[in-house]
PDB file of N, CA and C in Angstrom:
ATOM      1  N   MET A   1       0.847  -1.175   0.000  1.00  0.00           N
ATOM      2  CA  MET A   1       0.000   0.000   0.000  1.00  0.00           C
ATOM      3  C   MET A   1       0.897   1.244   0.000  1.00  0.00           C
ATOM      4  N   LYS A   2       0.554   2.219  -0.816  1.00  0.00           N
ATOM      5  CA  LYS A   2       1.315   3.459  -0.876  1.00  0.00           C
ATOM      6  C   LYS A   2       0.864   4.417   0.213  1.00  0.00           C
ATOM      7  N   ARG A   3       1.803   5.224   0.665  1.00  0.00           N
ATOM      8  CA  ARG A   3       1.465   6.280   1.621  1.00  0.00           C
ATOM      9  C   ARG A   3       0.644   7.338   0.890  1.00  0.00           C
ATOM     10  N   ASP A   4      -0.427   7.767   1.506  1.00  0.00           N
ATOM     11  CA  ASP A   4      -1.325   8.757   0.934  1.00  0.00           C
ATOM     12  C   ASP A   4      -1.263  10.012   1.807  1.00  0.00           C
ATOM     13  N   ASP A   5      -0.501  11.006   1.351  1.00  0.00           N
ATOM     14  CA  ASP A   5      -0.300  12.216   2.147  1.00  0.00           C
ATOM     15  C   ASP A   5      -1.604  12.982   2.372  1.00  0.00           C
ATOM     16  N   GLU A   6      -2.477  12.945   1.398  1.00  0.00           N
ATOM     17  CA  GLU A   6      -3.789  13.598   1.535  1.00  0.00           C
ATOM     18  C   GLU A   6      -4.583  12.925   2.661  1.00  0.00           C
ATOM     19  N   TYR A   7      -4.524  11.615   2.701  1.00  0.00           N
ATOM     20  CA  TYR A   7      -5.223  10.846   3.734  1.00  0.00           C
ATOM     21  C   TYR A   7      -4.617  11.125   5.114  1.00  0.00           C
ATOM     22  N   ILE A   8      -3.304  11.227   5.176  1.00  0.00           N
ATOM     23  CA  ILE A   8      -2.626  11.540   6.438  1.00  0.00           C
ATOM     24  C   ILE A   8      -3.094  12.892   6.961  1.00  0.00           C
ATOM     25  N   ARG A   9      -3.150  13.882   6.096  1.00  0.00           N
ATOM     26  CA  ARG A   9      -3.620  15.214   6.498  1.00  0.00           C
ATOM     27  C   ARG A   9      -5.058  15.135   6.998  1.00  0.00           C
ATOM     28  N   LYS A  10      -5.886  14.380   6.272  1.00  0.00           N
ATOM     29  CA  LYS A  10      -7.297  14.217   6.660  1.00  0.00           C
ATOM     30  C   LYS A  10      -7.414  13.566   8.041  1.00  0.00           C
ATOM     31  N   LEU A  11      -6.639  12.523   8.313  1.00  0.00           N
ATOM     32  CA  LEU A  11      -6.669  11.863   9.618  1.00  0.00           C
ATOM     33  C   LEU A  11      -6.313  12.839  10.735  1.00  0.00           C
ATOM     34  N   LEU A  12      -5.256  13.609  10.524  1.00  0.00           N
ATOM     35  CA  LEU A  12      -4.826  14.557  11.546  1.00  0.00           C
ATOM     36  C   LEU A  12      -5.869  15.651  11.766  1.00  0.00           C
ATOM     37  N   LEU A  13      -6.439  16.164  10.693  1.00  0.00           N
ATOM     38  CA  LEU A  13      -7.481  17.187  10.819  1.00  0.00           C
ATOM     39  C   LEU A  13      -8.698  16.650  11.563  1.00  0.00           C
ATOM     40  N   GLU A  14      -9.107  15.441  11.239  1.00  0.00           N
ATOM     41  CA  GLU A  14     -10.266  14.839  11.909  1.00  0.00           C
ATOM     42  C   GLU A  14     -10.010  14.623  13.384  1.00  0.00           C
ATOM     43  N   LEU A  15      -8.816  14.169  13.733  1.00  0.00           N
ATOM     44  CA  LEU A  15      -8.501  13.955  15.143  1.00  0.00           C
ATOM     45  C   LEU A  15      -8.476  15.281  15.887  1.00  0.00           C
ATOM     46  N   GLU A  16      -7.893  16.296  15.296  1.00  0.00           N
ATOM     47  CA  GLU A  16      -7.826  17.600  15.948  1.00  0.00           C
ATOM     48  C   GLU A  16      -9.231  18.181  16.169  1.00  0.00           C
ATOM     49  N   GLU A  17     -10.107  18.003  15.195  1.00  0.00           N
ATOM     50  CA  GLU A  17     -11.465  18.539  15.291  1.00  0.00           C
ATOM     51  C   GLU A  17     -12.347  17.745  16.252  1.00  0.00           C
ATOM     52  N   SER A  18     -11.950  16.539  16.554  1.00  0.00           N
ATOM     53  CA  SER A  18     -12.719  15.658  17.431  1.00  0.00           C
ATOM     54  C   SER A  18     -12.573  16.091  18.891  1.00  0.00           C
ATOM     55  N   ASP A  19     -13.551  15.716  19.702  1.00  0.00           N
ATOM     56  CA  ASP A  19     -13.459  15.939  21.143  1.00  0.00           C
ATOM     57  C   ASP A  19     -12.591  14.874  21.801  1.00  0.00           C
ATOM     58  N   ASP A  20     -12.287  13.824  21.058  1.00  0.00           N
ATOM     59  CA  ASP A  20     -11.485  12.729  21.593  1.00  0.00           C
ATOM     60  C   ASP A  20      -9.999  13.028  21.476  1.00  0.00           C
ATOM     61  N   THR A  21      -9.254  12.552  22.435  1.00  0.00           N
ATOM     62  CA  THR A  21      -7.806  12.685  22.414  1.00  0.00           C
ATOM     63  C   THR A  21      -7.168  11.547  21.623  1.00  0.00           C
ATOM     64  N   TYR A  22      -7.859  10.436  21.557  1.00  0.00           N
ATOM     65  CA  TYR A  22      -7.310   9.224  20.955  1.00  0.00           C
ATOM     66  C   TYR A  22      -8.135   8.782  19.759  1.00  0.00           C
ATOM     67  N   ILE A  23      -7.480   8.061  18.887  1.00  0.00           N
ATOM     68  CA  ILE A  23      -8.164   7.387  17.784  1.00  0.00           C
ATOM     69  C   ILE A  23      -7.847   5.900  17.926  1.00  0.00           C
ATOM     70  N   VAL A  24      -8.870   5.098  17.882  1.00  0.00           N
ATOM     71  CA  VAL A  24      -8.705   3.660  18.051  1.00  0.00           C
ATOM     72  C   VAL A  24      -8.778   3.008  16.680  1.00  0.00           C
ATOM     73  N   SER A  25      -7.780   2.203  16.386  1.00  0.00           N
ATOM     74  CA  SER A  25      -7.721   1.517  15.102  1.00  0.00           C
ATOM     75  C   SER A  25      -7.024   0.181  15.288  1.00  0.00           C
ATOM     76  N   SER A  26      -7.807  -0.827  15.518  1.00  0.00           N
ATOM     77  CA  SER A  26      -7.216  -2.158  15.632  1.00  0.00           C
ATOM     78  C   SER A  26      -7.695  -2.987  14.441  1.00  0.00           C
ATOM     79  N   LEU A  27      -6.846  -3.842  13.982  1.00  0.00           N
ATOM     80  CA  LEU A  27      -7.169  -4.640  12.804  1.00  0.00           C
ATOM     81  C   LEU A  27      -7.725  -6.000  13.205  1.00  0.00           C
ATOM     82  N   ALA A  28      -8.899  -6.274  12.712  1.00  0.00           N
ATOM     83  CA  ALA A  28      -9.474  -7.602  12.873  1.00  0.00           C
ATOM     84  C   ALA A  28      -9.018  -8.457  11.686  1.00  0.00           C
ATOM     85  N   ILE A  29      -9.191  -9.725  11.802  1.00  0.00           N
ATOM     86  CA  ILE A  29      -8.770 -10.627  10.738  1.00  0.00           C
ATOM     87  C   ILE A  29      -9.469 -10.289   9.423  1.00  0.00           C
ATOM     88  N   ASN A  30     -10.723  -9.953   9.492  1.00  0.00           N
ATOM     89  CA  ASN A  30     -11.487  -9.648   8.285  1.00  0.00           C
ATOM     90  C   ASN A  30     -11.698  -8.142   8.114  1.00  0.00           C
ATOM     91  N   ALA A  31     -10.690  -7.346   8.437  1.00  0.00           N
ATOM     92  CA  ALA A  31     -10.816  -5.891   8.336  1.00  0.00           C
ATOM     93  C   ALA A  31     -11.085  -5.490   6.891  1.00  0.00           C
ATOM     94  N   ASP A  32     -11.940  -4.473   6.755  1.00  0.00           N
ATOM     95  CA  ASP A  32     -12.208  -3.999   5.394  1.00  0.00           C
ATOM     96  C   ASP A  32     -11.065  -3.092   4.929  1.00  0.00           C
ATOM     97  N   GLU A  33     -11.111  -2.729   3.671  1.00  0.00           N
ATOM     98  CA  GLU A  33     -10.027  -1.957   3.053  1.00  0.00           C
ATOM     99  C   GLU A  33      -9.807  -0.609   3.747  1.00  0.00           C
ATOM    100  N   GLU A  34     -10.877   0.067   4.119  1.00  0.00           N
ATOM    101  CA  GLU A  34     -10.763   1.377   4.779  1.00  0.00           C
ATOM    102  C   GLU A  34     -10.104   1.243   6.149  1.00  0.00           C
ATOM    103  N   ASP A  35     -10.478   0.218   6.929  1.00  0.00           N
ATOM    104  CA  ASP A  35      -9.857  -0.002   8.238  1.00  0.00           C
ATOM    105  C   ASP A  35      -8.366  -0.302   8.092  1.00  0.00           C
ATOM    106  N   GLU A  36      -8.020  -1.091   7.079  1.00  0.00           N
ATOM    107  CA  GLU A  36      -6.606  -1.399   6.832  1.00  0.00           C
ATOM    108  C   GLU A  36      -5.832  -0.132   6.461  1.00  0.00           C
ATOM    109  N   LYS A  37      -6.444   0.690   5.611  1.00  0.00           N
ATOM    110  CA  LYS A  37      -5.794   1.932   5.192  1.00  0.00           C
ATOM    111  C   LYS A  37      -5.573   2.849   6.392  1.00  0.00           C
ATOM    112  N   GLN A  38      -6.607   2.990   7.214  1.00  0.00           N
ATOM    113  CA  GLN A  38      -6.480   3.851   8.387  1.00  0.00           C
ATOM    114  C   GLN A  38      -5.381   3.346   9.321  1.00  0.00           C
ATOM    115  N   HIS A  39      -5.411   2.062   9.626  1.00  0.00           N
ATOM    116  CA  HIS A  39      -4.418   1.508  10.556  1.00  0.00           C
ATOM    117  C   HIS A  39      -2.998   1.652  10.008  1.00  0.00           C
ATOM    118  N   TYR A  40      -2.832   1.377   8.734  1.00  0.00           N
ATOM    119  CA  TYR A  40      -1.517   1.493   8.096  1.00  0.00           C
ATOM    120  C   TYR A  40      -0.998   2.930   8.198  1.00  0.00           C
ATOM    121  N   HIS A  41      -1.858   3.898   7.913  1.00  0.00           N
ATOM    122  CA  HIS A  41      -1.424   5.289   7.942  1.00  0.00           C
ATOM    123  C   HIS A  41      -1.191   5.788   9.368  1.00  0.00           C
ATOM    124  N   LEU A  42      -1.945   5.281  10.327  1.00  0.00           N
ATOM    125  CA  LEU A  42      -1.670   5.619  11.723  1.00  0.00           C
ATOM    126  C   LEU A  42      -0.313   5.056  12.148  1.00  0.00           C
ATOM    127  N   GLN A  43       0.015   3.868  11.667  1.00  0.00           N
ATOM    128  CA  GLN A  43       1.327   3.291  11.954  1.00  0.00           C
ATOM    129  C   GLN A  43       2.433   4.144  11.322  1.00  0.00           C
ATOM    130  N   LEU A  44       2.217   4.607  10.088  1.00  0.00           N
ATOM    131  CA  LEU A  44       3.206   5.474   9.442  1.00  0.00           C
ATOM    132  C   LEU A  44       3.378   6.776  10.221  1.00  0.00           C
ATOM    133  N   LEU A  45       2.266   7.353  10.684  1.00  0.00           N
ATOM    134  CA  LEU A  45       2.334   8.577  11.482  1.00  0.00           C
ATOM    135  C   LEU A  45       3.093   8.328  12.773  1.00  0.00           C
ATOM    136  N   SER A  46       2.902   7.166  13.342  1.00  0.00           N
ATOM    137  CA  SER A  46       3.632   6.793  14.545  1.00  0.00           C
ATOM    138  C   SER A  46       5.118   6.632  14.247  1.00  0.00           C
ATOM    139  N   ASP A  47       5.439   5.981  13.130  1.00  0.00           N
ATOM    140  CA  ASP A  47       6.837   5.824  12.709  1.00  0.00           C
ATOM    141  C   ASP A  47       7.518   7.186  12.560  1.00  0.00           C
ATOM    142  N   ALA A  48       6.765   8.167  12.064  1.00  0.00           N
ATOM    143  CA  ALA A  48       7.317   9.501  11.800  1.00  0.00           C
ATOM    144  C   ALA A  48       7.314  10.403  13.040  1.00  0.00           C
ATOM    145  N   GLY A  49       6.763   9.925  14.146  1.00  0.00           N
ATOM    146  CA  GLY A  49       6.733  10.725  15.364  1.00  0.00           C
ATOM    147  C   GLY A  49       5.578  11.719  15.425  1.00  0.00           C
ATOM    148  N   LEU A  50       4.642  11.621  14.472  1.00  0.00           N
ATOM    149  CA  LEU A  50       3.500  12.535  14.460  1.00  0.00           C
ATOM    150  C   LEU A  50       2.349  12.011  15.313  1.00  0.00           C
ATOM    151  N   MET A  51       2.351  10.720  15.558  1.00  0.00           N
ATOM    152  CA  MET A  51       1.405  10.062  16.450  1.00  0.00           C
ATOM    153  C   MET A  51       2.217   9.116  17.327  1.00  0.00           C
ATOM    154  N   VAL A  52       1.621   8.714  18.426  1.00  0.00           N
ATOM    155  CA  VAL A  52       2.238   7.695  19.260  1.00  0.00           C
ATOM    156  C   VAL A  52       1.148   6.667  19.575  1.00  0.00           C
ATOM    157  N   GLU A  53       1.553   5.406  19.549  1.00  0.00           N
ATOM    158  CA  GLU A  53       0.617   4.331  19.885  1.00  0.00           C
ATOM    159  C   GLU A  53       0.727   4.087  21.383  1.00  0.00           C
ATOM    160  N   GLU A  54      -0.268   4.580  22.133  1.00  0.00           N
ATOM    161  CA  GLU A  54      -0.256   4.491  23.592  1.00  0.00           C
ATOM    162  C   GLU A  54      -0.476   3.053  24.054  1.00  0.00           C
ATOM    163  N   GLU A  55      -1.390   2.398  23.409  1.00  0.00           N
ATOM    164  CA  GLU A  55      -1.678   0.981  23.632  1.00  0.00           C
ATOM    165  C   GLU A  55      -1.875   0.381  22.250  1.00  0.00           C
ATOM    166  N   ARG A  56      -1.928  -0.901  22.181  1.00  0.00           N
ATOM    167  CA  ARG A  56      -2.112  -1.547  20.878  1.00  0.00           C
ATOM    168  C   ARG A  56      -3.391  -1.030  20.215  1.00  0.00           C
ATOM    169  N   GLY A  57      -3.217  -0.327  19.089  1.00  0.00           N
ATOM    170  CA  GLY A  57      -4.349   0.185  18.333  1.00  0.00           C
ATOM    171  C   GLY A  57      -4.947   1.481  18.849  1.00  0.00           C
ATOM    172  N   VAL A  58      -4.320   2.094  19.862  1.00  0.00           N
ATOM    173  CA  VAL A  58      -4.821   3.356  20.423  1.00  0.00           C
ATOM    174  C   VAL A  58      -3.749   4.427  20.207  1.00  0.00           C
ATOM    175  N   PHE A  59      -4.064   5.406  19.366  1.00  0.00           N
ATOM    176  CA  PHE A  59      -3.097   6.410  18.947  1.00  0.00           C
ATOM    177  C   PHE A  59      -3.510   7.795  19.434  1.00  0.00           C
ATOM    178  N   ARG A  60      -2.508   8.625  19.715  1.00  0.00           N
ATOM    179  CA  ARG A  60      -2.746  10.041  19.989  1.00  0.00           C
ATOM    180  C   ARG A  60      -1.735  10.865  19.202  1.00  0.00           C
ATOM    181  N   MET A  61      -2.118  12.095  18.895  1.00  0.00           N
ATOM    182  CA  MET A  61      -1.236  12.986  18.152  1.00  0.00           C
ATOM    183  C   MET A  61      -0.162  13.544  19.095  1.00  0.00           C
ATOM    184  N   THR A  62       1.056  13.618  18.603  1.00  0.00           N
ATOM    185  CA  THR A  62       2.155  14.197  19.373  1.00  0.00           C
ATOM    186  C   THR A  62       2.249  15.704  19.091  1.00  0.00           C
ATOM    187  N   ASN A  63       3.119  16.361  19.822  1.00  0.00           N
ATOM    188  CA  ASN A  63       3.357  17.781  19.550  1.00  0.00           C
ATOM    189  C   ASN A  63       3.888  17.965  18.127  1.00  0.00           C
ATOM    190  N   GLN A  64       4.744  17.061  17.676  1.00  0.00           N
ATOM    191  CA  GLN A  64       5.234  17.111  16.291  1.00  0.00           C
ATOM    192  C   GLN A  64       4.074  16.981  15.303  1.00  0.00           C
ATOM    193  N   GLY A  65       3.097  16.160  15.647  1.00  0.00           N
ATOM    194  CA  GLY A  65       1.916  16.006  14.804  1.00  0.00           C
ATOM    195  C   GLY A  65       1.124  17.294  14.717  1.00  0.00           C
ATOM    196  N   HIS A  66       0.978  17.969  15.861  1.00  0.00           N
ATOM    197  CA  HIS A  66       0.277  19.258  15.869  1.00  0.00           C
ATOM    198  C   HIS A  66       1.048  20.295  15.050  1.00  0.00           C
ATOM    199  N   ASP A  67       2.381  20.275  15.154  1.00  0.00           N
ATOM    200  CA  ASP A  67       3.202  21.199  14.362  1.00  0.00           C
ATOM    201  C   ASP A  67       3.057  20.921  12.867  1.00  0.00           C
ATOM    202  N   PHE A  68       3.081  19.647  12.496  1.00  0.00           N
ATOM    203  CA  PHE A  68       2.887  19.276  11.092  1.00  0.00           C
ATOM    204  C   PHE A  68       1.535  19.783  10.603  1.00  0.00           C
ATOM    205  N   LEU A  69       0.507  19.557  11.412  1.00  0.00           N
ATOM    206  CA  LEU A  69      -0.831  19.978  11.036  1.00  0.00           C
ATOM    207  C   LEU A  69      -0.934  21.499  10.927  1.00  0.00           C
ATOM    208  N   ALA A  70      -0.282  22.220  11.824  1.00  0.00           N
ATOM    209  CA  ALA A  70      -0.279  23.681  11.748  1.00  0.00           C
ATOM    210  C   ALA A  70       0.336  24.149  10.432  1.00  0.00           C
ATOM    211  N   ALA A  71       1.348  23.416   9.978  1.00  0.00           N
ATOM    212  CA  ALA A  71       2.016  23.792   8.732  1.00  0.00           C
ATOM    213  C   ALA A  71       1.165  23.478   7.504  1.00  0.00           C
ATOM    214  N   VAL A  72       0.336  22.432   7.556  1.00  0.00           N
ATOM    215  CA  VAL A  72      -0.421  22.021   6.371  1.00  0.00           C
ATOM    216  C   VAL A  72      -1.925  22.305   6.470  1.00  0.00           C
ATOM    217  N   ARG A  73      -2.353  22.990   7.522  1.00  0.00           N
ATOM    218  CA  ARG A  73      -3.789  23.236   7.726  1.00  0.00           C
ATOM    219  C   ARG A  73      -4.402  24.068   6.605  1.00  0.00           C
ATOM    220  N   SER A  74      -3.744  25.147   6.230  1.00  0.00           N
ATOM    221  CA  SER A  74      -4.266  26.032   5.195  1.00  0.00           C
ATOM    222  C   SER A  74      -4.339  25.303   3.860  1.00  0.00           C
ATOM    223  N   GLU A  75      -5.516  25.379   3.212  1.00  0.00           N
ATOM    224  CA  GLU A  75      -5.673  24.753   1.891  1.00  0.00           C
ATOM    225  C   GLU A  75      -4.689  25.333   0.885  1.00  0.00           C
ATOM    226  N   THR A  76      -4.482  26.645   0.950  1.00  0.00           N
ATOM    227  CA  THR A  76      -3.559  27.306   0.020  1.00  0.00           C
ATOM    228  C   THR A  76      -2.140  26.787   0.204  1.00  0.00           C
ATOM    229  N   ILE A  77      -1.691  26.731   1.441  1.00  0.00           N
ATOM    230  CA  ILE A  77      -0.336  26.241   1.719  1.00  0.00           C
ATOM    231  C   ILE A  77      -0.230  24.759   1.382  1.00  0.00           C
ATOM    232  N   TRP A  78      -1.277  23.985   1.675  1.00  0.00           N
ATOM    233  CA  TRP A  78      -1.254  22.559   1.367  1.00  0.00           C
ATOM    234  C   TRP A  78      -1.127  22.331  -0.136  1.00  0.00           C
ATOM    235  N   LYS A  79      -1.878  23.093  -0.930  1.00  0.00           N
ATOM    236  CA  LYS A  79      -1.793  22.943  -2.386  1.00  0.00           C
ATOM    237  C   LYS A  79      -0.395  23.281  -2.896  1.00  0.00           C
ATOM    238  N   LYS A  80       0.184  24.375  -2.395  1.00  0.00           N
ATOM    239  CA  LYS A  80       1.546  24.742  -2.793  1.00  0.00           C
ATOM    240  C   LYS A  80       2.543  23.658  -2.383  1.00  0.00           C
ATOM    241  N   THR A  81       2.341  23.105  -1.204  1.00  0.00           N
ATOM    242  CA  THR A  81       3.232  22.068  -0.685  1.00  0.00           C
ATOM    243  C   THR A  81       3.185  20.825  -1.576  1.00  0.00           C
ATOM    244  N   LYS A  82       1.975  20.415  -1.959  1.00  0.00           N
ATOM    245  CA  LYS A  82       1.837  19.236  -2.819  1.00  0.00           C
ATOM    246  C   LYS A  82       2.479  19.470  -4.182  1.00  0.00           C
ATOM    247  N   VAL A  83       2.296  20.658  -4.732  1.00  0.00           N
ATOM    248  CA  VAL A  83       2.915  20.984  -6.022  1.00  0.00           C
ATOM    249  C   VAL A  83       4.436  20.941  -5.888  1.00  0.00           C
ATOM    250  N   GLY A  84       4.954  21.551  -4.841  1.00  0.00           N
ATOM    251  CA  GLY A  84       6.401  21.557  -4.614  1.00  0.00           C
ATOM    252  C   GLY A  84       6.951  20.150  -4.461  1.00  0.00           C
ATOM    253  N   ALA A  85       6.270  19.323  -3.683  1.00  0.00           N
ATOM    254  CA  ALA A  85       6.710  17.939  -3.489  1.00  0.00           C
ATOM    255  C   ALA A  85       6.636  17.166  -4.803  1.00  0.00           C
ATOM    256  N   GLY A  86       5.610  17.440  -5.586  1.00  0.00           N
ATOM    257  CA  GLY A  86       5.459  16.761  -6.876  1.00  0.00           C
ATOM    258  C   GLY A  86       6.551  17.114  -7.866  1.00  0.00           C
ATOM    259  N   GLN A  87       7.072  18.328  -7.752  1.00  0.00           N
ATOM    260  CA  GLN A  87       8.124  18.758  -8.678  1.00  0.00           C
ATOM    261  C   GLN A  87       9.419  17.983  -8.493  1.00  0.00           C
ATOM    262  N   VAL A  88       9.590  17.402  -7.307  1.00  0.00           N
ATOM    263  CA  VAL A  88      10.795  16.599  -7.071  1.00  0.00           C
ATOM    264  C   VAL A  88      10.466  15.105  -7.030  1.00  0.00           C
ATOM    265  N   GLY A  89       9.237  14.766  -7.371  1.00  0.00           N
ATOM    266  CA  GLY A  89       8.863  13.364  -7.476  1.00  0.00           C
ATOM    267  C   GLY A  89       8.488  12.696  -6.173  1.00  0.00           C
ATOM    268  N   GLY A  90       8.171  13.461  -5.160  1.00  0.00           N
ATOM    269  CA  GLY A  90       7.783  12.890  -3.872  1.00  0.00           C
ATOM    270  C   GLY A  90       8.843  13.137  -2.820  1.00  0.00           C
ATOM    271  N   VAL A  91       8.399  13.258  -1.577  1.00  0.00           N
ATOM    272  CA  VAL A  91       9.301  13.582  -0.474  1.00  0.00           C
ATOM    273  C   VAL A  91       8.892  12.825   0.783  1.00  0.00           C
ATOM    274  N   THR A  92       9.753  12.865   1.774  1.00  0.00           N
ATOM    275  CA  THR A  92       9.435  12.283   3.070  1.00  0.00           C
ATOM    276  C   THR A  92       8.434  13.177   3.792  1.00  0.00           C
ATOM    277  N   LEU A  93       7.816  12.642   4.846  1.00  0.00           N
ATOM    278  CA  LEU A  93       6.908  13.466   5.643  1.00  0.00           C
ATOM    279  C   LEU A  93       7.652  14.642   6.273  1.00  0.00           C
ATOM    280  N   GLY A  94       8.888  14.412   6.685  1.00  0.00           N
ATOM    281  CA  GLY A  94       9.688  15.482   7.269  1.00  0.00           C
ATOM    282  C   GLY A  94       9.936  16.608   6.280  1.00  0.00           C
ATOM    283  N   ILE A  95      10.268  16.263   5.058  1.00  0.00           N
ATOM    284  CA  ILE A  95      10.496  17.290   4.036  1.00  0.00           C
ATOM    285  C   ILE A  95       9.179  17.947   3.637  1.00  0.00           C
ATOM    286  N   LEU A  96       8.103  17.161   3.608  1.00  0.00           N
ATOM    287  CA  LEU A  96       6.785  17.728   3.326  1.00  0.00           C
ATOM    288  C   LEU A  96       6.461  18.814   4.355  1.00  0.00           C
ATOM    289  N   LYS A  97       6.751  18.515   5.619  1.00  0.00           N
ATOM    290  CA  LYS A  97       6.539  19.515   6.679  1.00  0.00           C
ATOM    291  C   LYS A  97       7.438  20.723   6.457  1.00  0.00           C
ATOM    292  N   ASP A  98       8.688  20.492   6.079  1.00  0.00           N
ATOM    293  CA  ASP A  98       9.620  21.599   5.834  1.00  0.00           C
ATOM    294  C   ASP A  98       9.139  22.502   4.698  1.00  0.00           C
ATOM    295  N   ILE A  99       8.625  21.902   3.637  1.00  0.00           N
ATOM    296  CA  ILE A  99       8.106  22.687   2.510  1.00  0.00           C
ATOM    297  C   ILE A  99       6.912  23.518   2.978  1.00  0.00           C
ATOM    298  N   ALA A 100       5.992  22.870   3.686  1.00  0.00           N
ATOM    299  CA  ALA A 100       4.806  23.582   4.186  1.00  0.00           C
ATOM    300  C   ALA A 100       5.205  24.692   5.145  1.00  0.00           C
ATOM    301  N   THR A 101       6.171  24.427   6.003  1.00  0.00           N
ATOM    302  CA  THR A 101       6.633  25.436   6.961  1.00  0.00           C
ATOM    303  C   THR A 101       7.252  26.624   6.232  1.00  0.00           C
ATOM    304  N   ALA A 102       7.994  26.359   5.161  1.00  0.00           N
ATOM    305  CA  ALA A 102       8.589  27.450   4.378  1.00  0.00           C
ATOM    306  C   ALA A 102       7.499  28.322   3.761  1.00  0.00           C
ATOM    307  N   TYR A 103       6.450  27.693   3.218  1.00  0.00           N
ATOM    308  CA  TYR A 103       5.331  28.469   2.658  1.00  0.00           C
ATOM    309  C   TYR A 103       4.587  29.225   3.764  1.00  0.00           C
ATOM    310  N   LEU A 104       4.454  28.614   4.926  1.00  0.00           N
ATOM    311  CA  LEU A 104       3.803  29.285   6.056  1.00  0.00           C
ATOM    312  C   LEU A 104       4.620  30.500   6.495  1.00  0.00           C
ATOM    313  N   LYS A 105       5.932  30.357   6.524  1.00  0.00           N
ATOM    314  CA  LYS A 105       6.799  31.489   6.878  1.00  0.00           C
ATOM    315  C   LYS A 105       6.676  32.619   5.865  1.00  0.00           C
ATOM    316  N   GLN A 106       6.564  32.273   4.581  1.00  0.00           N
ATOM    317  CA  GLN A 106       6.351  33.298   3.553  1.00  0.00           C
ATOM    318  C   GLN A 106       5.046  34.045   3.810  1.00  0.00           C
ATOM    319  N   GLU A 107       4.013  33.299   4.178  1.00  0.00           N
ATOM    320  CA  GLU A 107       2.702  33.897   4.457  1.00  0.00           C
ATOM    321  C   GLU A 107       2.790  34.838   5.661  1.00  0.00           C
ATOM    322  N   VAL A 108       3.485  34.399   6.704  1.00  0.00           N
ATOM    323  CA  VAL A 108       3.664  35.235   7.896  1.00  0.00           C
ATOM    324  C   VAL A 108       4.422  36.506   7.528  1.00  0.00           C
ATOM    325  N   ALA A 109       5.486  36.368   6.762  1.00  0.00           N
ATOM    326  CA  ALA A 109       6.278  37.531   6.345  1.00  0.00           C
ATOM    327  C   ALA A 109       5.434  38.500   5.528  1.00  0.00           C
ATOM    328  N   SER A 110       4.626  37.959   4.645  1.00  0.00           N
ATOM    329  CA  SER A 110       3.785  38.790   3.787  1.00  0.00           C
ATOM    330  C   SER A 110       2.729  39.541   4.610  1.00  0.00           C
ATOM    331  N   ARG A 111       2.100  38.863   5.541  1.00  0.00           N
ATOM    332  CA  ARG A 111       1.014  39.480   6.312  1.00  0.00           C
ATOM    333  C   ARG A 111       1.505  40.363   7.459  1.00  0.00           C
ATOM    334  N   LEU A 112       2.599  39.968   8.086  1.00  0.00           N
ATOM    335  CA  LEU A 112       3.057  40.697   9.277  1.00  0.00           C
ATOM    336  C   LEU A 112       4.272  41.571   9.023  1.00  0.00           C
ATOM    337  N   GLY A 113       4.885  41.404   7.878  1.00  0.00           N
ATOM    338  CA  GLY A 113       6.062  42.214   7.556  1.00  0.00           C
ATOM    339  C   GLY A 113       7.286  41.850   8.369  1.00  0.00           C
ATOM    340  N   ILE A 114       7.337  40.611   8.833  1.00  0.00           N
ATOM    341  CA  ILE A 114       8.515  40.150   9.584  1.00  0.00           C
ATOM    342  C   ILE A 114       9.058  38.901   8.916  1.00  0.00           C
ATOM    343  N   THR A 115      10.340  38.655   9.076  1.00  0.00           N
ATOM    344  CA  THR A 115      10.968  37.482   8.508  1.00  0.00           C
ATOM    345  C   THR A 115      11.280  36.521   9.626  1.00  0.00           C
ATOM    346  N   LEU A 116      10.907  35.261   9.439  1.00  0.00           N
ATOM    347  CA  LEU A 116      11.196  34.210  10.406  1.00  0.00           C
ATOM    348  C   LEU A 116      12.351  33.366   9.888  1.00  0.00           C
ATOM    349  N   GLN A 117      13.193  32.951  10.761  1.00  0.00           N
ATOM    350  CA  GLN A 117      14.329  32.080  10.403  1.00  0.00           C
ATOM    351  C   GLN A 117      13.912  30.664  10.330  1.00  0.00           C
TER     352      GLN A 117
END
């Protein structure tokens, strides 16, 4: 299964908007395709440090996850980030965050007239 960055963003946005702190995703033997996709992507988020698996199948977003989400929350910045990543043929989640953060810094500089390092 390929990593789906759009799906990862959607998972993080849904968790942030939820009243719940945790997302439960355990795989049953006869799990459907959507459950498998969700669990796989939660595992990838955990591998990247954006989520942590507190118990088997119980995940919560880390501070790094919140930072990633802050960088990719804006639709405008997300679209620019995807285009930028596509121009180099795909990137890691860390670089995806770096690209989004760079666009976010440009936005801050443009709106506030300050430059961030």
